[in-house]
Amino acid sequence: MRLDRPADPRRPDDAGTSLVEMLVTMGIMSVMMVVFTTAILQVYRTVSATETLNDAQNELSRAFQRFDRELRYASWISSVGTGSTWYVEFAGANPTKCNQLRLVSGPPGSDAQGVLQLLTWTLGTPPAPGTPGQTIASQIVTSGAGLAPFFTKQDYGAMPYASPTATPSGGAVGADFKSVFQRLRIQLTTMTGVGTAQIDTTFTALNTTDNTPATNGCSEGRPTP
């Protein structure tokens, strides 16, 4: 009696996966993981950079709020002093309270950024030369084209707009706008780890009029050359 060997039940397509096929699959998966991870990291960096810039902008805005009341209700604003240090003095709603905004640049030839300081004293008792002010903001970019002027005084009757300028409310201030108060425009750029943040704010001294004198005792706080 002849005994035949049973047929192999395995079909050719059940033979399994070769080593080459596994290596090719792993290579494709590795490339896909690299692409996916790179995309996730790029999104994270973009979000982080945006948040850093927003934080810098918000920090500068909060710093301005610290002296907003004094400047917005000022009774006099001085002319602007320029040089390695920028100065502007103003008298508060109480005319015996003097203030000085001071933008101190970093040493010439260095990478150090500028510092915005606020100095306050009582009329008649000016601070001694070299007295440090309260730091309002740091990392201010003071060198480069198009940055200055950092402070700009607009006198009563000034017409600062050469063309219509948009306002936050959606309207526009035309070229015929004429200020009925003294105003101070502050334009600063701060350096962050991922770029720069700008702020451009104009403060209106509501206690000034066309009769506000050009000089004031608060100018005693400015250093003499």
C-alpha atoms as a PDB file:
ATOM      1  CA  MET A   1       0.000   0.000   0.000  1.00  0.00           C
ATOM      2  CA  ARG A   2       1.447   3.354  -1.107  1.00  0.00           C
ATOM      3  CA  LEU A   3       1.351   6.193   1.349  1.00  0.00           C
ATOM      4  CA  ASP A   4       1.487   9.638  -0.220  1.00  0.00           C
ATOM      5  CA  ARG A   5       2.937  12.539   1.728  1.00  0.00           C
ATOM      6  CA  PRO A   6       0.243  15.030   2.690  1.00  0.00           C
ATOM      7  CA  ALA A   7       0.237  18.244   0.714  1.00  0.00           C
ATOM      8  CA  ASP A   8       1.751  21.315   2.343  1.00  0.00           C
ATOM      9  CA  PRO A   9      -1.241  23.302   3.622  1.00  0.00           C
ATOM     10  CA  ARG A  10       0.633  26.626   3.390  1.00  0.00           C
ATOM     11  CA  ARG A  11      -0.083  28.765   0.388  1.00  0.00           C
ATOM     12  CA  PRO A  12       2.653  30.850  -1.228  1.00  0.00           C
ATOM     13  CA  ASP A  13       1.133  34.122   0.059  1.00  0.00           C
ATOM     14  CA  ASP A  14       1.379  32.867   3.670  1.00  0.00           C
ATOM     15  CA  ALA A  15       5.091  32.399   3.508  1.00  0.00           C
ATOM     16  CA  GLY A  16       5.743  35.450   5.797  1.00  0.00           C
ATOM     17  CA  THR A  17       7.725  38.699   5.439  1.00  0.00           C
ATOM     18  CA  SER A  18      11.303  38.833   4.382  1.00  0.00           C
ATOM     19  CA  LEU A  19      13.997  40.806   6.188  1.00  0.00           C
ATOM     20  CA  VAL A  20      14.330  43.180   3.238  1.00  0.00           C
ATOM     21  CA  GLU A  21      10.617  43.998   3.360  1.00  0.00           C
ATOM     22  CA  MET A  22      10.844  44.682   7.092  1.00  0.00           C
ATOM     23  CA  LEU A  23      13.843  46.991   6.643  1.00  0.00           C
ATOM     24  CA  VAL A  24      12.087  48.917   3.852  1.00  0.00           C
ATOM     25  CA  THR A  25       8.963  49.325   5.990  1.00  0.00           C
ATOM     26  CA  MET A  26      10.979  50.496   8.989  1.00  0.00           C
ATOM     27  CA  GLY A  27      12.834  52.979   6.791  1.00  0.00           C
ATOM     28  CA  ILE A  28       9.585  54.461   5.475  1.00  0.00           C
ATOM     29  CA  MET A  29       8.166  54.690   8.990  1.00  0.00           C
ATOM     30  CA  SER A  30      11.339  56.420  10.213  1.00  0.00           C
ATOM     31  CA  VAL A  31      11.090  59.035   7.458  1.00  0.00           C
ATOM     32  CA  MET A  32       7.417  59.631   8.271  1.00  0.00           C
ATOM     33  CA  MET A  33       8.212  60.040  11.972  1.00  0.00           C
ATOM     34  CA  VAL A  34      10.981  62.551  11.210  1.00  0.00           C
ATOM     35  CA  VAL A  35       8.651  64.597   8.995  1.00  0.00           C
ATOM     36  CA  PHE A  36       5.876  64.489  11.595  1.00  0.00           C
ATOM     37  CA  THR A  37       8.191  65.398  14.488  1.00  0.00           C
ATOM     38  CA  THR A  38       9.762  68.252  12.509  1.00  0.00           C
ATOM     39  CA  ALA A  39       6.325  69.685  11.746  1.00  0.00           C
ATOM     40  CA  ILE A  40       5.304  69.501  15.413  1.00  0.00           C
ATOM     41  CA  LEU A  41       8.523  71.203  16.526  1.00  0.00           C
ATOM     42  CA  GLN A  42       8.074  73.962  13.937  1.00  0.00           C
ATOM     43  CA  VAL A  43       4.540  74.640  15.155  1.00  0.00           C
ATOM     44  CA  TYR A  44       5.789  74.714  18.755  1.00  0.00           C
ATOM     45  CA  ARG A  45       8.584  77.163  17.892  1.00  0.00           C
ATOM     46  CA  THR A  46       6.183  79.432  16.003  1.00  0.00           C
ATOM     47  CA  VAL A  47       3.689  79.476  18.874  1.00  0.00           C
ATOM     48  CA  SER A  48       6.471  80.047  21.400  1.00  0.00           C
ATOM     49  CA  ALA A  49       7.918  82.944  19.378  1.00  0.00           C
ATOM     50  CA  THR A  50       4.490  84.552  19.037  1.00  0.00           C
ATOM     51  CA  GLU A  51       3.842  84.235  22.759  1.00  0.00           C
ATOM     52  CA  THR A  52       7.270  85.719  23.556  1.00  0.00           C
ATOM     53  CA  LEU A  53       6.612  88.743  21.352  1.00  0.00           C
ATOM     54  CA  ASN A  54       3.135  89.191  22.847  1.00  0.00           C
ATOM     55  CA  ASP A  55       4.569  88.958  26.358  1.00  0.00           C
ATOM     56  CA  ALA A  56       7.182  91.605  25.537  1.00  0.00           C
ATOM     57  CA  GLN A  57       4.525  93.881  24.053  1.00  0.00           C
ATOM     58  CA  ASN A  58       2.251  93.411  27.057  1.00  0.00           C
ATOM     59  CA  GLU A  59       5.105  94.016  29.487  1.00  0.00           C
ATOM     60  CA  LEU A  60       5.947  97.307  27.774  1.00  0.00           C
ATOM     61  CA  SER A  61       2.270  98.329  27.775  1.00  0.00           C
ATOM     62  CA  ARG A  62       1.971  97.552  31.478  1.00  0.00           C
ATOM     63  CA  ALA A  63       5.113  99.548  32.142  1.00  0.00           C
ATOM     64  CA  PHE A  64       3.591 102.567  30.407  1.00  0.00           C
ATOM     65  CA  GLN A  65       0.492 102.285  32.561  1.00  0.00           C
ATOM     66  CA  ARG A  66       2.682 102.873  35.606  1.00  0.00           C
ATOM     67  CA  PHE A  67       3.178 106.530  34.683  1.00  0.00           C
ATOM     68  CA  ASP A  68       0.164 106.991  32.410  1.00  0.00           C
ATOM     69  CA  ARG A  69      -1.834 108.969  34.992  1.00  0.00           C
ATOM     70  CA  GLU A  70       0.978 111.442  35.721  1.00  0.00           C
ATOM     71  CA  LEU A  71       1.671 112.089  32.042  1.00  0.00           C
ATOM     72  CA  ARG A  72      -1.947 112.100  30.895  1.00  0.00           C
ATOM     73  CA  TYR A  73      -2.835 114.710  33.520  1.00  0.00           C
ATOM     74  CA  ALA A  74       0.419 116.667  33.241  1.00  0.00           C
ATOM     75  CA  SER A  75       0.289 120.447  33.450  1.00  0.00           C
ATOM     76  CA  TRP A  76       3.476 121.015  31.413  1.00  0.00           C
ATOM     77  CA  ILE A  77       5.793 119.041  29.113  1.00  0.00           C
ATOM     78  CA  SER A  78       9.343 120.116  28.392  1.00  0.00           C
ATOM     79  CA  SER A  79      11.186 120.133  25.108  1.00  0.00           C
ATOM     80  CA  VAL A  80      12.991 116.878  24.363  1.00  0.00           C
ATOM     81  CA  GLY A  81      16.681 116.488  25.113  1.00  0.00           C
ATOM     82  CA  THR A  82      18.596 114.204  22.766  1.00  0.00           C
ATOM     83  CA  GLY A  83      21.992 112.552  22.728  1.00  0.00           C
ATOM     84  CA  SER A  84      23.328 109.330  24.233  1.00  0.00           C
ATOM     85  CA  THR A  85      20.524 109.825  26.778  1.00  0.00           C
ATOM     86  CA  TRP A  86      17.089 111.153  25.834  1.00  0.00           C
ATOM     87  CA  TYR A  87      15.222 113.318  28.357  1.00  0.00           C
ATOM     88  CA  VAL A  88      11.777 114.804  28.727  1.00  0.00           C
ATOM     89  CA  GLU A  89      10.417 116.393  31.904  1.00  0.00           C
ATOM     90  CA  PHE A  90       6.807 117.012  32.813  1.00  0.00           C
ATOM     91  CA  ALA A  91       4.916 118.509  35.749  1.00  0.00           C
ATOM     92  CA  GLY A  92       2.055 116.529  37.207  1.00  0.00           C
ATOM     93  CA  ALA A  93      -1.489 117.631  37.942  1.00  0.00           C
ATOM     94  CA  ASN A  94       0.092 118.923  41.129  1.00  0.00           C
ATOM     95  CA  PRO A  95       2.566 121.394  39.582  1.00  0.00           C
ATOM     96  CA  THR A  96       5.050 120.884  42.430  1.00  0.00           C
ATOM     97  CA  LYS A  97       5.505 117.228  41.467  1.00  0.00           C
ATOM     98  CA  CYS A  98       8.155 116.887  38.788  1.00  0.00           C
ATOM     99  CA  ASN A  99       8.857 113.842  36.630  1.00  0.00           C
ATOM    100  CA  GLN A 100      11.489 112.937  34.112  1.00  0.00           C
ATOM    101  CA  LEU A 101      11.462 110.204  31.498  1.00  0.00           C
ATOM    102  CA  ARG A 102      14.977 109.151  30.652  1.00  0.00           C
ATOM    103  CA  LEU A 103      16.105 106.710  27.960  1.00  0.00           C
ATOM    104  CA  VAL A 104      19.666 105.656  28.714  1.00  0.00           C
ATOM    105  CA  SER A 105      21.545 104.020  25.843  1.00  0.00           C
ATOM    106  CA  GLY A 106      24.041 101.202  26.259  1.00  0.00           C
ATOM    107  CA  PRO A 107      27.774 101.988  26.112  1.00  0.00           C
ATOM    108  CA  PRO A 108      28.978 102.936  22.601  1.00  0.00           C
ATOM    109  CA  GLY A 109      30.185  99.940  20.622  1.00  0.00           C
ATOM    110  CA  SER A 110      28.531  97.420  22.935  1.00  0.00           C
ATOM    111  CA  ASP A 111      25.535  95.148  22.382  1.00  0.00           C
ATOM    112  CA  ALA A 112      23.857  96.430  25.561  1.00  0.00           C
ATOM    113  CA  GLN A 113      20.338  97.760  25.076  1.00  0.00           C
ATOM    114  CA  GLY A 114      18.816 100.912  26.499  1.00  0.00           C
ATOM    115  CA  VAL A 115      16.797 101.361  29.688  1.00  0.00           C
ATOM    116  CA  LEU A 116      13.717 103.568  30.134  1.00  0.00           C
ATOM    117  CA  GLN A 117      13.638 105.190  33.564  1.00  0.00           C
ATOM    118  CA  LEU A 118      11.206 107.423  35.452  1.00  0.00           C
ATOM    119  CA  LEU A 119      12.546 109.910  37.989  1.00  0.00           C
ATOM    120  CA  THR A 120      10.250 111.852  40.362  1.00  0.00           C
ATOM    121  CA  TRP A 121      11.018 114.714  42.748  1.00  0.00           C
ATOM    122  CA  THR A 122       9.441 117.747  44.426  1.00  0.00           C
ATOM    123  CA  LEU A 123       9.887 121.096  42.720  1.00  0.00           C
ATOM    124  CA  GLY A 124      12.915 122.881  44.158  1.00  0.00           C
ATOM    125  CA  THR A 125      14.710 119.707  45.257  1.00  0.00           C
ATOM    126  CA  PRO A 126      16.118 118.264  42.027  1.00  0.00           C
ATOM    127  CA  PRO A 127      17.881 114.895  42.153  1.00  0.00           C
ATOM    128  CA  ALA A 128      21.651 114.848  42.269  1.00  0.00           C
ATOM    129  CA  PRO A 129      23.408 114.154  38.962  1.00  0.00           C
ATOM    130  CA  GLY A 130      23.667 110.432  38.314  1.00  0.00           C
ATOM    131  CA  THR A 131      20.663 109.561  40.483  1.00  0.00           C
ATOM    132  CA  PRO A 132      19.142 106.397  38.977  1.00  0.00           C
ATOM    133  CA  GLY A 133      15.464 106.429  38.140  1.00  0.00           C
ATOM    134  CA  GLN A 134      12.842 103.725  38.466  1.00  0.00           C
ATOM    135  CA  THR A 135      13.232 101.236  35.626  1.00  0.00           C
ATOM    136  CA  ILE A 136      10.113 101.216  33.471  1.00  0.00           C
ATOM    137  CA  ALA A 137      11.378  99.014  30.641  1.00  0.00           C
ATOM    138  CA  SER A 138      14.671  97.461  29.594  1.00  0.00           C
ATOM    139  CA  GLN A 139      16.147  95.930  26.443  1.00  0.00           C
ATOM    140  CA  ILE A 140      15.215  99.052  24.467  1.00  0.00           C
ATOM    141  CA  VAL A 141      16.848  99.140  21.039  1.00  0.00           C
ATOM    142  CA  THR A 142      18.592 102.509  20.734  1.00  0.00           C
ATOM    143  CA  SER A 143      20.875 102.011  17.728  1.00  0.00           C
ATOM    144  CA  GLY A 144      19.766 101.451  14.171  1.00  0.00           C
ATOM    145  CA  ALA A 145      18.128 103.265  11.290  1.00  0.00           C
ATOM    146  CA  GLY A 146      14.617 104.615  11.696  1.00  0.00           C
ATOM    147  CA  LEU A 147      14.372 104.208  15.486  1.00  0.00           C
ATOM    148  CA  ALA A 148      14.699 107.828  16.609  1.00  0.00           C
ATOM    149  CA  PRO A 149      13.031 110.022  17.659  1.00  0.00           C
ATOM    150  CA  PHE A 150      12.104 108.094  20.793  1.00  0.00           C
ATOM    151  CA  PHE A 151      10.303 111.093  22.325  1.00  0.00           C
ATOM    152  CA  THR A 152       8.447 113.749  20.333  1.00  0.00           C
ATOM    153  CA  LYS A 153       6.728 116.726  21.943  1.00  0.00           C
ATOM    154  CA  GLN A 154       3.695 118.178  20.163  1.00  0.00           C
ATOM    155  CA  ASP A 155       2.897 121.724  21.275  1.00  0.00           C
ATOM    156  CA  TYR A 156      -0.514 123.319  21.550  1.00  0.00           C
ATOM    157  CA  GLY A 157      -1.730 123.994  18.014  1.00  0.00           C
ATOM    158  CA  ALA A 158       0.590 121.426  16.442  1.00  0.00           C
ATOM    159  CA  MET A 159      -0.592 119.611  13.306  1.00  0.00           C
ATOM    160  CA  PRO A 160       1.333 116.332  13.537  1.00  0.00           C
ATOM    161  CA  TYR A 161      -0.413 114.350  10.803  1.00  0.00           C
ATOM    162  CA  ALA A 162       0.649 114.915   7.214  1.00  0.00           C
ATOM    163  CA  SER A 163      -2.094 112.568   5.987  1.00  0.00           C
ATOM    164  CA  PRO A 164      -5.209 110.909   7.457  1.00  0.00           C
ATOM    165  CA  THR A 165      -4.265 108.458  10.199  1.00  0.00           C
ATOM    166  CA  ALA A 166      -6.443 105.568  11.379  1.00  0.00           C
ATOM    167  CA  THR A 167      -7.673 105.553  14.982  1.00  0.00           C
ATOM    168  CA  PRO A 168      -8.425 102.543  17.239  1.00  0.00           C
ATOM    169  CA  SER A 169     -12.160 103.266  16.944  1.00  0.00           C
ATOM    170  CA  GLY A 170     -12.018 102.744  13.193  1.00  0.00           C
ATOM    171  CA  GLY A 171     -12.185 106.423  12.207  1.00  0.00           C
ATOM    172  CA  ALA A 172      -9.391 108.630  10.957  1.00  0.00           C
ATOM    173  CA  VAL A 173      -7.569 111.744  12.041  1.00  0.00           C
ATOM    174  CA  GLY A 174      -7.053 113.981   9.060  1.00  0.00           C
ATOM    175  CA  ALA A 175      -4.179 116.198   8.064  1.00  0.00           C
ATOM    176  CA  ASP A 176      -6.151 119.181   9.383  1.00  0.00           C
ATOM    177  CA  PHE A 177      -6.089 117.854  12.960  1.00  0.00           C
ATOM    178  CA  LYS A 178      -4.781 120.481  15.379  1.00  0.00           C
ATOM    179  CA  SER A 179      -3.884 119.626  18.951  1.00  0.00           C
ATOM    180  CA  VAL A 180      -5.471 121.737  21.692  1.00  0.00           C
ATOM    181  CA  PHE A 181      -3.165 120.302  24.350  1.00  0.00           C
ATOM    182  CA  GLN A 182       0.521 119.564  24.713  1.00  0.00           C
ATOM    183  CA  ARG A 183       1.195 115.937  23.748  1.00  0.00           C
ATOM    184  CA  LEU A 184       4.101 113.517  24.017  1.00  0.00           C
ATOM    185  CA  ARG A 185       4.640 110.724  21.537  1.00  0.00           C
ATOM    186  CA  ILE A 186       6.798 107.794  22.661  1.00  0.00           C
ATOM    187  CA  GLN A 187       8.120 105.290  20.116  1.00  0.00           C
ATOM    188  CA  LEU A 188      10.169 102.404  21.454  1.00  0.00           C
ATOM    189  CA  THR A 189      11.383  99.033  20.226  1.00  0.00           C
ATOM    190  CA  THR A 190      12.306  96.281  22.672  1.00  0.00           C
ATOM    191  CA  MET A 191      14.548  93.315  21.962  1.00  0.00           C
ATOM    192  CA  THR A 192      13.368  89.804  22.776  1.00  0.00           C
ATOM    193  CA  GLY A 193      14.971  86.409  22.306  1.00  0.00           C
ATOM    194  CA  VAL A 194      13.086  85.868  19.043  1.00  0.00           C
ATOM    195  CA  GLY A 195      12.734  89.359  17.598  1.00  0.00           C
ATOM    196  CA  THR A 196      11.519  92.821  18.473  1.00  0.00           C
ATOM    197  CA  ALA A 197       8.322  94.364  19.800  1.00  0.00           C
ATOM    198  CA  GLN A 198       7.258  97.947  19.101  1.00  0.00           C
ATOM    199  CA  ILE A 199       5.073 100.416  20.939  1.00  0.00           C
ATOM    200  CA  ASP A 200       3.969 103.796  19.629  1.00  0.00           C
ATOM    201  CA  THR A 201       1.838 105.794  22.069  1.00  0.00           C
ATOM    202  CA  THR A 202       0.869 109.451  22.245  1.00  0.00           C
ATOM    203  CA  PHE A 203      -0.052 110.878  25.653  1.00  0.00           C
ATOM    204  CA  THR A 204      -2.223 114.003  25.855  1.00  0.00           C
ATOM    205  CA  ALA A 205      -1.511 116.325  28.793  1.00  0.00           C
ATOM    206  CA  LEU A 206      -5.083 117.285  29.642  1.00  0.00           C
ATOM    207  CA  ASN A 207      -4.101 120.019  32.088  1.00  0.00           C
ATOM    208  CA  THR A 208      -2.252 122.058  29.467  1.00  0.00           C
ATOM    209  CA  THR A 209      -3.686 124.954  27.480  1.00  0.00           C
ATOM    210  CA  ASP A 210      -2.549 127.546  25.005  1.00  0.00           C
ATOM    211  CA  ASN A 211      -1.402 129.596  28.016  1.00  0.00           C
ATOM    212  CA  THR A 212       0.918 126.892  29.361  1.00  0.00           C
ATOM    213  CA  PRO A 213       4.391 128.489  29.579  1.00  0.00           C
ATOM    214  CA  ALA A 214       7.240 127.094  27.548  1.00  0.00           C
ATOM    215  CA  THR A 215       9.476 126.828  30.623  1.00  0.00           C
ATOM    216  CA  ASN A 216       8.888 125.337  34.033  1.00  0.00           C
ATOM    217  CA  GLY A 217      10.873 124.812  37.220  1.00  0.00           C
ATOM    218  CA  CYS A 218      10.775 121.059  36.659  1.00  0.00           C
ATOM    219  CA  SER A 219      13.444 121.474  33.975  1.00  0.00           C
ATOM    220  CA  GLU A 220      15.887 121.776  36.902  1.00  0.00           C
ATOM    221  CA  GLY A 221      16.143 117.998  36.910  1.00  0.00           C
ATOM    222  CA  ARG A 222      17.839 117.790  33.526  1.00  0.00           C
ATOM    223  CA  PRO A 223      21.623 117.453  33.664  1.00  0.00           C
ATOM    224  CA  THR A 224      23.561 120.291  32.096  1.00  0.00           C
ATOM    225  CA  PRO A 225      26.142 119.435  29.404  1.00  0.00           C
END
